[in-house]
Amino acid sequence: FSVFVDTTSRAVMDIMTKTTEYLQPNPASRAKMTMINSMSKMRGQEKGLGYIQTETILGESMQKFGRELGEESNFGLALIDAGESMRELGEVKDALDMEVKQNFLDPLQTLHDKDLKEIAVRLDLFILFHILCNIETQTGVKTEARMDNSAKLASHQFIDWHFDWHLTSSLIDILK
């Protein structure tokens, strides 16, 4: 009977501690797991340990003490059932975390790291292209204006030359 009381006492203390952690998660433990995962990636390991949800930890503790108390104890059976529910809740939270990371954070990271840089390069090229087109257009207009001026000047010179030639030719005819 004292083993039952001792196990119940340890179960209550452990469950109270883990319930407090569940209600007020320690951000340092999440940071530690993130650091471990980062180090695993740097070493080339595919997957680190991952963050263990506080619900899962609490559920495993409840199930452990529930099995120690045995199925003949109502408290033991209640701990096993509640522990299974908490463990399932932890799995659901893990799935949600993975879903958010995979379908929200990873695309945003890709947008930030790759797509926005590519868009910026394309915009720079687009702006450069339009600047060059404007320069060509402006230069083309100036060239056309110069060509028009040159053509007008040449035609005036031709007319002047032609007039001079006719005048000279007429003077020669007169002098003959």
C-alpha atoms as a PDB file:
ATOM      1  CA  PHE A   1       0.000   0.000   0.000  1.00  0.00           C
ATOM      2  CA  SER A   2       2.898   2.413   0.709  1.00  0.00           C
ATOM      3  CA  VAL A   3       4.175   1.828  -2.854  1.00  0.00           C
ATOM      4  CA  PHE A   4       0.787   3.002  -4.119  1.00  0.00           C
ATOM      5  CA  VAL A   5       0.956   6.156  -1.943  1.00  0.00           C
ATOM      6  CA  ASP A   6       4.578   6.800  -2.945  1.00  0.00           C
ATOM      7  CA  THR A   7       3.782   6.401  -6.663  1.00  0.00           C
ATOM      8  CA  THR A   8       0.721   8.628  -6.323  1.00  0.00           C
ATOM      9  CA  SER A   9       2.793  11.287  -4.562  1.00  0.00           C
ATOM     10  CA  ARG A  10       5.492  11.210  -7.278  1.00  0.00           C
ATOM     11  CA  ALA A  11       2.801  11.247  -9.968  1.00  0.00           C
ATOM     12  CA  VAL A  12       1.065  14.291  -8.467  1.00  0.00           C
ATOM     13  CA  MET A  13       4.353  16.223  -8.130  1.00  0.00           C
ATOM     14  CA  ASP A  14       5.528  15.350 -11.659  1.00  0.00           C
ATOM     15  CA  ILE A  15       2.148  16.087 -13.216  1.00  0.00           C
ATOM     16  CA  MET A  16       1.906  19.419 -11.361  1.00  0.00           C
ATOM     17  CA  THR A  17       5.361  20.402 -12.634  1.00  0.00           C
ATOM     18  CA  LYS A  18       4.609  19.326 -16.201  1.00  0.00           C
ATOM     19  CA  THR A  19       1.171  20.994 -16.089  1.00  0.00           C
ATOM     20  CA  THR A  20       2.829  24.257 -15.042  1.00  0.00           C
ATOM     21  CA  GLU A  21       5.267  23.873 -17.975  1.00  0.00           C
ATOM     22  CA  TYR A  22       2.275  23.167 -20.240  1.00  0.00           C
ATOM     23  CA  LEU A  23       0.432  26.284 -19.066  1.00  0.00           C
ATOM     24  CA  GLN A  24       3.561  28.475 -19.055  1.00  0.00           C
ATOM     25  CA  PRO A  25       6.002  27.049 -21.622  1.00  0.00           C
ATOM     26  CA  ASN A  26       9.645  27.895 -21.089  1.00  0.00           C
ATOM     27  CA  PRO A  27      10.878  29.884 -24.112  1.00  0.00           C
ATOM     28  CA  ALA A  28      14.457  28.868 -23.265  1.00  0.00           C
ATOM     29  CA  SER A  29      13.649  25.199 -23.920  1.00  0.00           C
ATOM     30  CA  ARG A  30      12.222  26.060 -27.354  1.00  0.00           C
ATOM     31  CA  ALA A  31      15.324  28.160 -28.085  1.00  0.00           C
ATOM     32  CA  LYS A  32      17.526  25.249 -26.981  1.00  0.00           C
ATOM     33  CA  MET A  33      15.688  22.851 -29.320  1.00  0.00           C
ATOM     34  CA  THR A  34      15.994  25.366 -32.180  1.00  0.00           C
ATOM     35  CA  MET A  35      19.736  25.591 -31.533  1.00  0.00           C
ATOM     36  CA  ILE A  36      20.086  21.800 -31.484  1.00  0.00           C
ATOM     37  CA  ASN A  37      18.148  21.540 -34.766  1.00  0.00           C
ATOM     38  CA  SER A  38      20.327  24.234 -36.354  1.00  0.00           C
ATOM     39  CA  MET A  39      23.475  22.417 -35.275  1.00  0.00           C
ATOM     40  CA  SER A  40      22.100  19.158 -36.693  1.00  0.00           C
ATOM     41  CA  LYS A  41      21.482  20.835 -40.058  1.00  0.00           C
ATOM     42  CA  MET A  42      25.003  22.303 -40.048  1.00  0.00           C
ATOM     43  CA  ARG A  43      26.467  18.843 -39.408  1.00  0.00           C
ATOM     44  CA  GLY A  44      24.514  17.520 -42.365  1.00  0.00           C
ATOM     45  CA  GLN A  45      22.080  15.450 -40.345  1.00  0.00           C
ATOM     46  CA  GLU A  46      18.699  15.421 -42.002  1.00  0.00           C
ATOM     47  CA  LYS A  47      16.503  16.053 -39.021  1.00  0.00           C
ATOM     48  CA  GLY A  48      17.133  17.125 -35.461  1.00  0.00           C
ATOM     49  CA  LEU A  49      15.117  16.113 -32.466  1.00  0.00           C
ATOM     50  CA  GLY A  50      12.410  18.673 -33.076  1.00  0.00           C
ATOM     51  CA  TYR A  51      10.545  20.560 -30.401  1.00  0.00           C
ATOM     52  CA  ILE A  52       8.657  18.237 -28.107  1.00  0.00           C
ATOM     53  CA  GLN A  53       5.307  19.774 -27.295  1.00  0.00           C
ATOM     54  CA  THR A  54       4.591  20.312 -23.597  1.00  0.00           C
ATOM     55  CA  GLU A  55       1.290  18.469 -24.105  1.00  0.00           C
ATOM     56  CA  THR A  56       3.217  15.406 -25.256  1.00  0.00           C
ATOM     57  CA  ILE A  57       5.563  15.570 -22.252  1.00  0.00           C
ATOM     58  CA  LEU A  58       2.631  15.920 -19.866  1.00  0.00           C
ATOM     59  CA  GLY A  59       0.734  13.104 -21.590  1.00  0.00           C
ATOM     60  CA  GLU A  60       3.698  10.725 -21.456  1.00  0.00           C
ATOM     61  CA  SER A  61       4.184  11.491 -17.762  1.00  0.00           C
ATOM     62  CA  MET A  62       0.499  10.836 -17.059  1.00  0.00           C
ATOM     63  CA  GLN A  63       0.600   7.543 -18.965  1.00  0.00           C
ATOM     64  CA  LYS A  64       3.825   6.433 -17.217  1.00  0.00           C
ATOM     65  CA  PHE A  65       2.402   7.020 -13.746  1.00  0.00           C
ATOM     66  CA  GLY A  66      -0.968   5.612 -14.771  1.00  0.00           C
ATOM     67  CA  ARG A  67       0.742   2.325 -15.781  1.00  0.00           C
ATOM     68  CA  GLU A  68       2.757   2.328 -12.531  1.00  0.00           C
ATOM     69  CA  LEU A  69      -0.444   2.721 -10.493  1.00  0.00           C
ATOM     70  CA  GLY A  70      -2.052  -0.052 -12.521  1.00  0.00           C
ATOM     71  CA  GLU A  71      -5.393  -0.600 -14.166  1.00  0.00           C
ATOM     72  CA  GLU A  72      -7.004  -1.633 -10.877  1.00  0.00           C
ATOM     73  CA  SER A  73      -6.626   1.986  -9.685  1.00  0.00           C
ATOM     74  CA  ASN A  74      -9.228   4.486 -10.871  1.00  0.00           C
ATOM     75  CA  PHE A  75      -6.608   7.227 -10.642  1.00  0.00           C
ATOM     76  CA  GLY A  76      -4.227   5.117 -12.760  1.00  0.00           C
ATOM     77  CA  LEU A  77      -6.905   4.557 -15.425  1.00  0.00           C
ATOM     78  CA  ALA A  78      -7.779   8.274 -15.415  1.00  0.00           C
ATOM     79  CA  LEU A  79      -4.093   9.173 -15.838  1.00  0.00           C
ATOM     80  CA  ILE A  80      -3.724   6.757 -18.763  1.00  0.00           C
ATOM     81  CA  ASP A  81      -6.811   8.169 -20.512  1.00  0.00           C
ATOM     82  CA  ALA A  82      -5.917  11.801 -19.837  1.00  0.00           C
ATOM     83  CA  GLY A  83      -2.311  11.084 -20.839  1.00  0.00           C
ATOM     84  CA  GLU A  84      -3.413   9.614 -24.161  1.00  0.00           C
ATOM     85  CA  SER A  85      -5.552  12.688 -24.840  1.00  0.00           C
ATOM     86  CA  MET A  86      -2.676  15.029 -24.008  1.00  0.00           C
ATOM     87  CA  ARG A  87      -0.291  13.026 -26.194  1.00  0.00           C
ATOM     88  CA  GLU A  88      -2.745  13.214 -29.102  1.00  0.00           C
ATOM     89  CA  LEU A  89      -3.092  16.965 -28.503  1.00  0.00           C
ATOM     90  CA  GLY A  90       0.716  17.230 -28.712  1.00  0.00           C
ATOM     91  CA  GLU A  91       0.683  15.342 -32.034  1.00  0.00           C
ATOM     92  CA  VAL A  92      -1.984  17.685 -33.387  1.00  0.00           C
ATOM     93  CA  LYS A  93       0.070  20.706 -32.324  1.00  0.00           C
ATOM     94  CA  ASP A  94       3.149  19.174 -33.991  1.00  0.00           C
ATOM     95  CA  ALA A  95       1.150  18.672 -37.177  1.00  0.00           C
ATOM     96  CA  LEU A  96      -0.130  22.251 -36.986  1.00  0.00           C
ATOM     97  CA  ASP A  97       3.398  23.581 -36.442  1.00  0.00           C
ATOM     98  CA  MET A  98       4.667  21.610 -39.438  1.00  0.00           C
ATOM     99  CA  GLU A  99       1.736  22.752 -41.566  1.00  0.00           C
ATOM    100  CA  VAL A 100       2.306  26.421 -40.673  1.00  0.00           C
ATOM    101  CA  LYS A 101       6.035  26.085 -41.345  1.00  0.00           C
ATOM    102  CA  GLN A 102       5.575  24.214 -44.623  1.00  0.00           C
ATOM    103  CA  ASN A 103       2.667  26.183 -46.067  1.00  0.00           C
ATOM    104  CA  PHE A 104       3.271  29.649 -44.613  1.00  0.00           C
ATOM    105  CA  LEU A 105       6.764  30.295 -43.252  1.00  0.00           C
ATOM    106  CA  ASP A 106       8.741  28.394 -45.912  1.00  0.00           C
ATOM    107  CA  PRO A 107       6.976  30.163 -48.827  1.00  0.00           C
ATOM    108  CA  LEU A 108       7.522  33.520 -47.107  1.00  0.00           C
ATOM    109  CA  GLN A 109      11.189  32.655 -46.607  1.00  0.00           C
ATOM    110  CA  THR A 110      11.469  31.667 -50.280  1.00  0.00           C
ATOM    111  CA  LEU A 111       9.751  34.914 -51.239  1.00  0.00           C
ATOM    112  CA  HIS A 112      12.224  36.852 -49.107  1.00  0.00           C
ATOM    113  CA  ASP A 113      15.376  34.951 -50.078  1.00  0.00           C
ATOM    114  CA  LYS A 114      14.770  34.257 -53.752  1.00  0.00           C
ATOM    115  CA  ASP A 115      11.676  35.697 -55.353  1.00  0.00           C
ATOM    116  CA  LEU A 116      12.004  39.284 -54.098  1.00  0.00           C
ATOM    117  CA  LYS A 117      15.659  39.381 -55.137  1.00  0.00           C
ATOM    118  CA  GLU A 118      14.738  38.032 -58.566  1.00  0.00           C
ATOM    119  CA  ILE A 119      11.940  40.577 -58.856  1.00  0.00           C
ATOM    120  CA  ALA A 120      14.350  43.345 -57.843  1.00  0.00           C
ATOM    121  CA  VAL A 121      16.840  42.234 -60.506  1.00  0.00           C
ATOM    122  CA  ARG A 122      14.082  42.071 -63.103  1.00  0.00           C
ATOM    123  CA  LEU A 123      12.826  45.510 -62.107  1.00  0.00           C
ATOM    124  CA  ASP A 124      16.361  46.872 -62.332  1.00  0.00           C
ATOM    125  CA  LEU A 125      16.715  45.350 -65.800  1.00  0.00           C
ATOM    126  CA  PHE A 126      13.285  46.677 -66.790  1.00  0.00           C
ATOM    127  CA  ILE A 127      14.181  50.182 -65.616  1.00  0.00           C
ATOM    128  CA  LEU A 128      17.575  49.975 -67.346  1.00  0.00           C
ATOM    129  CA  PHE A 129      15.876  48.791 -70.545  1.00  0.00           C
ATOM    130  CA  HIS A 130      13.459  51.716 -70.460  1.00  0.00           C
ATOM    131  CA  ILE A 131      16.225  54.171 -69.710  1.00  0.00           C
ATOM    132  CA  LEU A 132      18.159  52.834 -72.707  1.00  0.00           C
ATOM    133  CA  CYS A 133      15.029  52.970 -74.871  1.00  0.00           C
ATOM    134  CA  ASN A 134      14.457  56.569 -73.814  1.00  0.00           C
ATOM    135  CA  ILE A 135      18.070  57.433 -74.581  1.00  0.00           C
ATOM    136  CA  GLU A 136      17.782  55.760 -77.991  1.00  0.00           C
ATOM    137  CA  THR A 137      14.503  57.515 -78.605  1.00  0.00           C
ATOM    138  CA  GLN A 138      15.942  60.841 -77.557  1.00  0.00           C
ATOM    139  CA  THR A 139      19.111  60.193 -79.533  1.00  0.00           C
ATOM    140  CA  GLY A 140      17.013  58.978 -82.453  1.00  0.00           C
ATOM    141  CA  VAL A 141      14.951  62.166 -82.374  1.00  0.00           C
ATOM    142  CA  LYS A 142      18.107  64.234 -82.229  1.00  0.00           C
ATOM    143  CA  THR A 143      19.589  62.190 -85.052  1.00  0.00           C
ATOM    144  CA  GLU A 144      16.454  62.623 -87.126  1.00  0.00           C
ATOM    145  CA  ALA A 145      16.514  66.321 -86.380  1.00  0.00           C
ATOM    146  CA  ARG A 146      20.158  66.445 -87.364  1.00  0.00           C
ATOM    147  CA  MET A 147      19.414  64.397 -90.465  1.00  0.00           C
ATOM    148  CA  ASP A 148      16.532  66.671 -91.304  1.00  0.00           C
ATOM    149  CA  ASN A 149      18.753  69.692 -90.771  1.00  0.00           C
ATOM    150  CA  SER A 150      21.540  68.069 -92.794  1.00  0.00           C
ATOM    151  CA  ALA A 151      19.123  67.158 -95.570  1.00  0.00           C
ATOM    152  CA  LYS A 152      17.706  70.643 -95.622  1.00  0.00           C
ATOM    153  CA  LEU A 153      21.188  72.102 -95.619  1.00  0.00           C
ATOM    154  CA  ALA A 154      22.273  69.708 -98.361  1.00  0.00           C
ATOM    155  CA  SER A 155      19.210  70.447-100.430  1.00  0.00           C
ATOM    156  CA  HIS A 156      19.740  74.178 -99.954  1.00  0.00           C
ATOM    157  CA  GLN A 157      23.366  73.726-100.935  1.00  0.00           C
ATOM    158  CA  PHE A 158      22.288  71.679-103.947  1.00  0.00           C
ATOM    159  CA  ILE A 159      19.750  74.298-104.924  1.00  0.00           C
ATOM    160  CA  ASP A 160      22.361  76.973-104.403  1.00  0.00           C
ATOM    161  CA  TRP A 161      24.885  74.934-106.400  1.00  0.00           C
ATOM    162  CA  HIS A 162      22.277  74.152-109.038  1.00  0.00           C
ATOM    163  CA  PHE A 163      21.300  77.808-109.184  1.00  0.00           C
ATOM    164  CA  ASP A 164      24.955  78.776-109.289  1.00  0.00           C
ATOM    165  CA  TRP A 165      25.598  76.185-111.997  1.00  0.00           C
ATOM    166  CA  HIS A 166      22.670  77.460-114.071  1.00  0.00           C
ATOM    167  CA  LEU A 167      23.783  80.975-113.494  1.00  0.00           C
ATOM    168  CA  THR A 168      27.340  80.088-114.418  1.00  0.00           C
ATOM    169  CA  SER A 169      26.155  78.102-117.397  1.00  0.00           C
ATOM    170  CA  SER A 170      23.979  80.981-118.539  1.00  0.00           C
ATOM    171  CA  LEU A 171      26.861  83.395-118.145  1.00  0.00           C
ATOM    172  CA  ILE A 172      29.081  81.093-120.199  1.00  0.00           C
ATOM    173  CA  ASP A 173      26.446  80.908-122.915  1.00  0.00           C
ATOM    174  CA  ILE A 174      26.142  84.638-122.939  1.00  0.00           C
ATOM    175  CA  LEU A 175      29.860  85.056-123.153  1.00  0.00           C
ATOM    176  CA  LYS A 176      30.214  82.676-126.040  1.00  0.00           C
END
